[in-house]
């Protein structure tokens, strides 16, 4: 889906709110600042959930795309 490199991937396809967000939070906890997480999700609520969380937590949304019903997010851990 993307040519940008990432350090960790979270596959949250098939999971509903709040599970994709919880998986993202857990992944970010284990990474150093500046590392990039790619999240795959199918829950449309993830767009809003991730947006609010990323802004409040000080992380960076590098990109978000949708292809064939799968949402792809690239998130850089801030701090």
PDB file of N, CA and C in Angstrom:
ATOM      1  N   UNK A   1       0.825  -1.208   0.000  1.00  0.00           N
ATOM      2  CA  UNK A   1       0.000   0.000   0.000  1.00  0.00           C
ATOM      3  C   UNK A   1       0.855   1.251   0.000  1.00  0.00           C
ATOM      4  N   UNK A   2       1.993   1.175   0.681  1.00  0.00           N
ATOM      5  CA  UNK A   2       2.841   2.361   0.754  1.00  0.00           C
ATOM      6  C   UNK A   2       4.290   1.965   0.565  1.00  0.00           C
ATOM      7  N   UNK A   3       5.056   2.858  -0.005  1.00  0.00           N
ATOM      8  CA  UNK A   3       6.476   2.599  -0.182  1.00  0.00           C
ATOM      9  C   UNK A   3       7.284   3.086   1.008  1.00  0.00           C
ATOM     10  N   UNK A   4       6.647   3.816   1.910  1.00  0.00           N
ATOM     11  CA  UNK A   4       7.358   4.331   3.066  1.00  0.00           C
ATOM     12  C   UNK A   4       7.660   3.192   4.036  1.00  0.00           C
ATOM     13  N   UNK A   5       8.836   3.230   4.576  1.00  0.00           N
ATOM     14  CA  UNK A   5       9.247   2.173   5.495  1.00  0.00           C
ATOM     15  C   UNK A   5       8.622   2.398   6.860  1.00  0.00           C
ATOM     16  N   UNK A   6       8.489   1.285   7.594  1.00  0.00           N
ATOM     17  CA  UNK A   6       7.952   1.345   8.948  1.00  0.00           C
ATOM     18  C   UNK A   6       8.707   0.342   9.803  1.00  0.00           C
ATOM     19  N   UNK A   7       8.659   0.558  11.111  1.00  0.00           N
ATOM     20  CA  UNK A   7       9.415  -0.275  12.045  1.00  0.00           C
ATOM     21  C   UNK A   7       8.584  -1.398  12.656  1.00  0.00           C
ATOM     22  N   UNK A   8       7.268  -1.221  12.668  1.00  0.00           N
ATOM     23  CA  UNK A   8       6.396  -2.209  13.306  1.00  0.00           C
ATOM     24  C   UNK A   8       5.031  -2.140  12.637  1.00  0.00           C
ATOM     25  N   UNK A   9       4.377  -3.284  12.514  1.00  0.00           N
ATOM     26  CA  UNK A   9       3.057  -3.303  11.900  1.00  0.00           C
ATOM     27  C   UNK A   9       2.032  -3.891  12.856  1.00  0.00           C
ATOM     28  N   UNK A  10       0.862  -3.250  12.897  1.00  0.00           N
ATOM     29  CA  UNK A  10      -0.268  -3.731  13.681  1.00  0.00           C
ATOM     30  C   UNK A  10      -1.385  -4.071  12.711  1.00  0.00           C
ATOM     31  N   UNK A  11      -1.791  -5.330  12.696  1.00  0.00           N
ATOM     32  CA  UNK A  11      -2.909  -5.754  11.855  1.00  0.00           C
ATOM     33  C   UNK A  11      -4.149  -5.834  12.734  1.00  0.00           C
ATOM     34  N   UNK A  12      -4.998  -4.803  12.640  1.00  0.00           N
ATOM     35  CA  UNK A  12      -6.222  -4.742  13.441  1.00  0.00           C
ATOM     36  C   UNK A  12      -7.453  -4.976  12.567  1.00  0.00           C
ATOM     37  N   UNK A  13      -7.262  -5.606  11.410  1.00  0.00           N
ATOM     38  CA  UNK A  13      -8.387  -5.888  10.527  1.00  0.00           C
ATOM     39  C   UNK A  13      -9.366  -6.831  11.215  1.00  0.00           C
ATOM     40  N   UNK A  14     -10.640  -6.500  11.097  1.00  0.00           N
ATOM     41  CA  UNK A  14     -11.675  -7.314  11.711  1.00  0.00           C
ATOM     42  C   UNK A  14     -11.988  -6.949  13.145  1.00  0.00           C
ATOM     43  N   UNK A  15     -11.171  -6.086  13.735  1.00  0.00           N
ATOM     44  CA  UNK A  15     -11.402  -5.673  15.123  1.00  0.00           C
ATOM     45  C   UNK A  15     -12.208  -4.386  15.141  1.00  0.00           C
ATOM     46  N   UNK A  16     -13.069  -4.258  16.134  1.00  0.00           N
ATOM     47  CA  UNK A  16     -13.904  -3.074  16.266  1.00  0.00           C
ATOM     48  C   UNK A  16     -13.426  -2.231  17.436  1.00  0.00           C
ATOM     49  N   UNK A  17     -13.808  -0.957  17.416  1.00  0.00           N
ATOM     50  CA  UNK A  17     -13.480   0.012  18.451  1.00  0.00           C
ATOM     51  C   UNK A  17     -13.813  -0.581  19.824  1.00  0.00           C
ATOM     52  N   UNK A  18     -12.930  -0.470  20.791  1.00  0.00           N
ATOM     53  CA  UNK A  18     -11.665   0.284  20.832  1.00  0.00           C
ATOM     54  C   UNK A  18     -10.422  -0.546  20.542  1.00  0.00           C
ATOM     55  N   UNK A  19     -10.574  -1.790  20.087  1.00  0.00           N
ATOM     56  CA  UNK A  19      -9.417  -2.676  19.951  1.00  0.00           C
ATOM     57  C   UNK A  19      -8.322  -2.168  19.004  1.00  0.00           C
ATOM     58  N   UNK A  20      -8.626  -1.605  17.830  1.00  0.00           N
ATOM     59  CA  UNK A  20      -7.525  -1.083  17.001  1.00  0.00           C
ATOM     60  C   UNK A  20      -6.707  -0.005  17.724  1.00  0.00           C
ATOM     61  N   UNK A  21      -7.377   0.871  18.433  1.00  0.00           N
ATOM     62  CA  UNK A  21      -6.671   1.923  19.170  1.00  0.00           C
ATOM     63  C   UNK A  21      -5.828   1.331  20.292  1.00  0.00           C
ATOM     64  N   UNK A  22      -6.346   0.353  20.997  1.00  0.00           N
ATOM     65  CA  UNK A  22      -5.583  -0.279  22.073  1.00  0.00           C
ATOM     66  C   UNK A  22      -4.348  -0.984  21.528  1.00  0.00           C
ATOM     67  N   UNK A  23      -4.485  -1.620  20.378  1.00  0.00           N
ATOM     68  CA  UNK A  23      -3.325  -2.287  19.751  1.00  0.00           C
ATOM     69  C   UNK A  23      -2.273  -1.259  19.333  1.00  0.00           C
ATOM     70  N   UNK A  24      -2.719  -0.123  18.807  1.00  0.00           N
ATOM     71  CA  UNK A  24      -1.787   0.933  18.432  1.00  0.00           C
ATOM     72  C   UNK A  24      -1.045   1.454  19.660  1.00  0.00           C
ATOM     73  N   UNK A  25      -1.784   1.732  20.723  1.00  0.00           N
ATOM     74  CA  UNK A  25      -1.153   2.247  21.946  1.00  0.00           C
ATOM     75  C   UNK A  25      -0.102   1.279  22.474  1.00  0.00           C
ATOM     76  N   UNK A  26      -0.421  -0.006  22.478  1.00  0.00           N
ATOM     77  CA  UNK A  26       0.520  -1.016  22.972  1.00  0.00           C
ATOM     78  C   UNK A  26       1.773  -1.055  22.100  1.00  0.00           C
ATOM     79  N   UNK A  27       1.590  -0.976  20.794  1.00  0.00           N
ATOM     80  CA  UNK A  27       2.732  -0.991  19.881  1.00  0.00           C
ATOM     81  C   UNK A  27       3.637   0.216  20.110  1.00  0.00           C
ATOM     82  N   UNK A  28       3.043   1.383  20.273  1.00  0.00           N
ATOM     83  CA  UNK A  28       3.831   2.597  20.471  1.00  0.00           C
ATOM     84  C   UNK A  28       4.605   2.566  21.781  1.00  0.00           C
ATOM     85  N   UNK A  29       4.046   1.955  22.810  1.00  0.00           N
ATOM     86  CA  UNK A  29       4.737   1.886  24.105  1.00  0.00           C
ATOM     87  C   UNK A  29       6.069   1.165  23.998  1.00  0.00           C
ATOM     88  N   UNK A  30       6.149   0.189  23.096  1.00  0.00           N
ATOM     89  CA  UNK A  30       7.363  -0.600  22.975  1.00  0.00           C
ATOM     90  C   UNK A  30       8.389  -0.044  22.015  1.00  0.00           C
ATOM     91  N   UNK A  31       8.130   1.119  21.443  1.00  0.00           N
ATOM     92  CA  UNK A  31       9.032   1.691  20.441  1.00  0.00           C
ATOM     93  C   UNK A  31       9.680   2.975  20.935  1.00  0.00           C
ATOM     94  N   UNK A  32      10.859   3.256  20.398  1.00  0.00           N
ATOM     95  CA  UNK A  32      11.549   4.509  20.694  1.00  0.00           C
ATOM     96  C   UNK A  32      10.925   5.645  19.895  1.00  0.00           C
ATOM     97  N   UNK A  33      11.101   6.879  20.381  1.00  0.00           N
ATOM     98  CA  UNK A  33      10.625   8.050  19.652  1.00  0.00           C
ATOM     99  C   UNK A  33      11.216   8.061  18.247  1.00  0.00           C
ATOM    100  N   UNK A  34      10.409   8.476  17.285  1.00  0.00           N
ATOM    101  CA  UNK A  34      10.844   8.562  15.904  1.00  0.00           C
ATOM    102  C   UNK A  34      10.564   7.308  15.090  1.00  0.00           C
ATOM    103  N   UNK A  35      10.248   6.207  15.752  1.00  0.00           N
ATOM    104  CA  UNK A  35       9.929   4.973  15.031  1.00  0.00           C
ATOM    105  C   UNK A  35       8.537   5.083  14.419  1.00  0.00           C
ATOM    106  N   UNK A  36       8.297   4.321  13.351  1.00  0.00           N
ATOM    107  CA  UNK A  36       7.052   4.401  12.601  1.00  0.00           C
ATOM    108  C   UNK A  36       6.287   3.082  12.707  1.00  0.00           C
ATOM    109  N   UNK A  37       4.994   3.214  12.998  1.00  0.00           N
ATOM    110  CA  UNK A  37       4.093   2.065  13.072  1.00  0.00           C
ATOM    111  C   UNK A  37       3.132   2.149  11.899  1.00  0.00           C
ATOM    112  N   UNK A  38       2.937   1.022  11.217  1.00  0.00           N
ATOM    113  CA  UNK A  38       1.892   0.941  10.201  1.00  0.00           C
ATOM    114  C   UNK A  38       0.743   0.138  10.803  1.00  0.00           C
ATOM    115  N   UNK A  39      -0.462   0.704  10.722  1.00  0.00           N
ATOM    116  CA  UNK A  39      -1.652   0.037  11.230  1.00  0.00           C
ATOM    117  C   UNK A  39      -2.592  -0.250  10.069  1.00  0.00           C
ATOM    118  N   UNK A  40      -3.101  -1.472  10.030  1.00  0.00           N
ATOM    119  CA  UNK A  40      -4.124  -1.873   9.083  1.00  0.00           C
ATOM    120  C   UNK A  40      -5.396  -2.081   9.889  1.00  0.00           C
ATOM    121  N   UNK A  41      -6.495  -1.482   9.448  1.00  0.00           N
ATOM    122  CA  UNK A  41      -7.755  -1.591  10.175  1.00  0.00           C
ATOM    123  C   UNK A  41      -8.916  -1.598   9.185  1.00  0.00           C
ATOM    124  N   UNK A  42     -10.028  -2.179   9.628  1.00  0.00           N
ATOM    125  CA  UNK A  42     -11.238  -2.186   8.806  1.00  0.00           C
ATOM    126  C   UNK A  42     -12.379  -1.437   9.477  1.00  0.00           C
ATOM    127  N   UNK A  43     -12.214  -1.054  10.725  1.00  0.00           N
ATOM    128  CA  UNK A  43     -13.249  -0.323  11.454  1.00  0.00           C
ATOM    129  C   UNK A  43     -13.194   1.155  11.052  1.00  0.00           C
ATOM    130  N   UNK A  44     -14.257   1.683  10.427  1.00  0.00           N
ATOM    131  CA  UNK A  44     -14.243   3.093  10.010  1.00  0.00           C
ATOM    132  C   UNK A  44     -14.021   4.070  11.167  1.00  0.00           C
ATOM    133  N   UNK A  45     -14.367   3.673  12.393  1.00  0.00           N
ATOM    134  CA  UNK A  45     -14.171   4.540  13.558  1.00  0.00           C
ATOM    135  C   UNK A  45     -12.695   4.774  13.845  1.00  0.00           C
ATOM    136  N   UNK A  46     -11.816   3.945  13.301  1.00  0.00           N
ATOM    137  CA  UNK A  46     -10.385   4.101  13.545  1.00  0.00           C
ATOM    138  C   UNK A  46      -9.872   5.449  13.050  1.00  0.00           C
ATOM    139  N   UNK A  47     -10.450   5.973  11.995  1.00  0.00           N
ATOM    140  CA  UNK A  47     -10.006   7.267  11.459  1.00  0.00           C
ATOM    141  C   UNK A  47     -10.119   8.348  12.528  1.00  0.00           C
ATOM    142  N   UNK A  48     -11.272   8.445  13.159  1.00  0.00           N
ATOM    143  CA  UNK A  48     -11.473   9.448  14.207  1.00  0.00           C
ATOM    144  C   UNK A  48     -10.694   9.098  15.469  1.00  0.00           C
ATOM    145  N   UNK A  49     -10.765   7.836  15.880  1.00  0.00           N
ATOM    146  CA  UNK A  49     -10.078   7.410  17.107  1.00  0.00           C
ATOM    147  C   UNK A  49      -8.584   7.693  17.031  1.00  0.00           C
ATOM    148  N   UNK A  50      -7.963   7.293  15.923  1.00  0.00           N
ATOM    149  CA  UNK A  50      -6.525   7.499  15.782  1.00  0.00           C
ATOM    150  C   UNK A  50      -6.192   8.984  15.706  1.00  0.00           C
ATOM    151  N   UNK A  51      -7.010   9.740  14.972  1.00  0.00           N
ATOM    152  CA  UNK A  51      -6.751  11.169  14.834  1.00  0.00           C
ATOM    153  C   UNK A  51      -6.725  11.892  16.162  1.00  0.00           C
ATOM    154  N   UNK A  52      -7.712  11.624  16.989  1.00  0.00           N
ATOM    155  CA  UNK A  52      -7.785  12.268  18.309  1.00  0.00           C
ATOM    156  C   UNK A  52      -6.619  11.821  19.180  1.00  0.00           C
ATOM    157  N   UNK A  53      -6.370  10.513  19.216  1.00  0.00           N
ATOM    158  CA  UNK A  53      -5.287   9.989  20.049  1.00  0.00           C
ATOM    159  C   UNK A  53      -3.930  10.546  19.628  1.00  0.00           C
ATOM    160  N   UNK A  54      -3.650  10.538  18.332  1.00  0.00           N
ATOM    161  CA  UNK A  54      -2.357  11.001  17.832  1.00  0.00           C
ATOM    162  C   UNK A  54      -2.123  12.458  18.199  1.00  0.00           C
ATOM    163  N   UNK A  55      -3.152  13.270  18.032  1.00  0.00           N
ATOM    164  CA  UNK A  55      -3.029  14.695  18.375  1.00  0.00           C
ATOM    165  C   UNK A  55      -2.796  14.891  19.869  1.00  0.00           C
ATOM    166  N   UNK A  56      -3.563  14.218  20.694  1.00  0.00           N
ATOM    167  CA  UNK A  56      -3.457  14.382  22.142  1.00  0.00           C
ATOM    168  C   UNK A  56      -2.150  13.833  22.699  1.00  0.00           C
ATOM    169  N   UNK A  57      -1.650  12.757  22.101  1.00  0.00           N
ATOM    170  CA  UNK A  57      -0.450  12.099  22.627  1.00  0.00           C
ATOM    171  C   UNK A  57       0.845  12.659  22.039  1.00  0.00           C
ATOM    172  N   UNK A  58       0.740  13.525  21.028  1.00  0.00           N
ATOM    173  CA  UNK A  58       1.928  14.147  20.469  1.00  0.00           C
ATOM    174  C   UNK A  58       2.660  13.300  19.441  1.00  0.00           C
ATOM    175  N   UNK A  59       1.967  12.357  18.829  1.00  0.00           N
ATOM    176  CA  UNK A  59       2.556  11.557  17.763  1.00  0.00           C
ATOM    177  C   UNK A  59       2.259  12.229  16.426  1.00  0.00           C
ATOM    178  N   UNK A  60       2.792  11.684  15.352  1.00  0.00           N
ATOM    179  CA  UNK A  60       2.580  12.279  14.040  1.00  0.00           C
ATOM    180  C   UNK A  60       1.929  11.306  13.077  1.00  0.00           C
ATOM    181  N   UNK A  61       0.870  11.751  12.413  1.00  0.00           N
ATOM    182  CA  UNK A  61       0.242  10.953  11.368  1.00  0.00           C
ATOM    183  C   UNK A  61       0.948  11.273  10.059  1.00  0.00           C
ATOM    184  N   UNK A  62       1.696  10.309   9.538  1.00  0.00           N
ATOM    185  CA  UNK A  62       2.443  10.512   8.303  1.00  0.00           C
ATOM    186  C   UNK A  62       1.558  10.337   7.083  1.00  0.00           C
ATOM    187  N   UNK A  63       0.640   9.362   7.164  1.00  0.00           N
ATOM    188  CA  UNK A  63      -0.290   9.160   6.050  1.00  0.00           C
ATOM    189  C   UNK A  63      -1.438   8.277   6.500  1.00  0.00           C
ATOM    190  N   UNK A  64      -2.547   8.412   5.793  1.00  0.00           N
ATOM    191  CA  UNK A  64      -3.683   7.503   5.980  1.00  0.00           C
ATOM    192  C   UNK A  64      -4.333   7.316   4.618  1.00  0.00           C
ATOM    193  N   UNK A  65      -4.589   6.071   4.289  1.00  0.00           N
ATOM    194  CA  UNK A  65      -5.160   5.720   2.996  1.00  0.00           C
ATOM    195  C   UNK A  65      -6.152   4.587   3.176  1.00  0.00           C
ATOM    196  N   UNK A  66      -6.980   4.380   2.153  1.00  0.00           N
ATOM    197  CA  UNK A  66      -7.931   3.273   2.155  1.00  0.00           C
ATOM    198  C   UNK A  66      -7.819   2.574   0.815  1.00  0.00           C
ATOM    199  N   UNK A  67      -7.779   1.253   0.853  1.00  0.00           N
ATOM    200  CA  UNK A  67      -7.726   0.467  -0.368  1.00  0.00           C
ATOM    201  C   UNK A  67      -8.502  -0.830  -0.138  1.00  0.00           C
ATOM    202  N   UNK A  68      -9.526  -1.039  -0.941  1.00  0.00           N
ATOM    203  CA  UNK A  68     -10.331  -2.266  -0.864  1.00  0.00           C
ATOM    204  C   UNK A  68     -10.877  -2.532   0.532  1.00  0.00           C
ATOM    205  N   UNK A  69     -11.325  -1.468   1.202  1.00  0.00           N
ATOM    206  CA  UNK A  69     -11.940  -1.618   2.517  1.00  0.00           C
ATOM    207  C   UNK A  69     -10.976  -1.703   3.680  1.00  0.00           C
ATOM    208  N   UNK A  70      -9.682  -1.618   3.404  1.00  0.00           N
ATOM    209  CA  UNK A  70      -8.679  -1.642   4.478  1.00  0.00           C
ATOM    210  C   UNK A  70      -8.094  -0.244   4.621  1.00  0.00           C
ATOM    211  N   UNK A  71      -8.069   0.235   5.842  1.00  0.00           N
ATOM    212  CA  UNK A  71      -7.475   1.528   6.168  1.00  0.00           C
ATOM    213  C   UNK A  71      -6.016   1.309   6.542  1.00  0.00           C
ATOM    214  N   UNK A  72      -5.133   2.128   5.989  1.00  0.00           N
ATOM    215  CA  UNK A  72      -3.705   2.056   6.275  1.00  0.00           C
ATOM    216  C   UNK A  72      -3.275   3.367   6.918  1.00  0.00           C
ATOM    217  N   UNK A  73      -2.587   3.268   8.040  1.00  0.00           N
ATOM    218  CA  UNK A  73      -2.100   4.447   8.751  1.00  0.00           C
ATOM    219  C   UNK A  73      -0.593   4.289   8.988  1.00  0.00           C
ATOM    220  N   UNK A  74       0.153   5.353   8.776  1.00  0.00           N
ATOM    221  CA  UNK A  74       1.567   5.400   9.175  1.00  0.00           C
ATOM    222  C   UNK A  74       1.681   6.465  10.252  1.00  0.00           C
ATOM    223  N   UNK A  75       2.168   6.048  11.410  1.00  0.00           N
ATOM    224  CA  UNK A  75       2.210   6.921  12.581  1.00  0.00           C
ATOM    225  C   UNK A  75       3.626   6.933  13.139  1.00  0.00           C
ATOM    226  N   UNK A  76       4.181   8.139  13.297  1.00  0.00           N
ATOM    227  CA  UNK A  76       5.515   8.286  13.903  1.00  0.00           C
ATOM    228  C   UNK A  76       5.350   8.592  15.385  1.00  0.00           C
ATOM    229  N   UNK A  77       6.060   7.811  16.190  1.00  0.00           N
ATOM    230  CA  UNK A  77       5.996   8.038  17.633  1.00  0.00           C
ATOM    231  C   UNK A  77       6.708   9.349  17.961  1.00  0.00           C
ATOM    232  N   UNK A  78       6.013  10.205  18.681  1.00  0.00           N
ATOM    233  CA  UNK A  78       6.573  11.497  19.076  1.00  0.00           C
ATOM    234  C   UNK A  78       7.117  11.446  20.490  1.00  0.00           C
ATOM    235  N   UNK A  79       7.460  12.605  21.001  1.00  0.00           N
ATOM    236  CA  UNK A  79       7.910  12.616  22.380  1.00  0.00           C
ATOM    237  C   UNK A  79       9.098  13.491  22.589  1.00  0.00           C
TER     238      UNK A  79
END
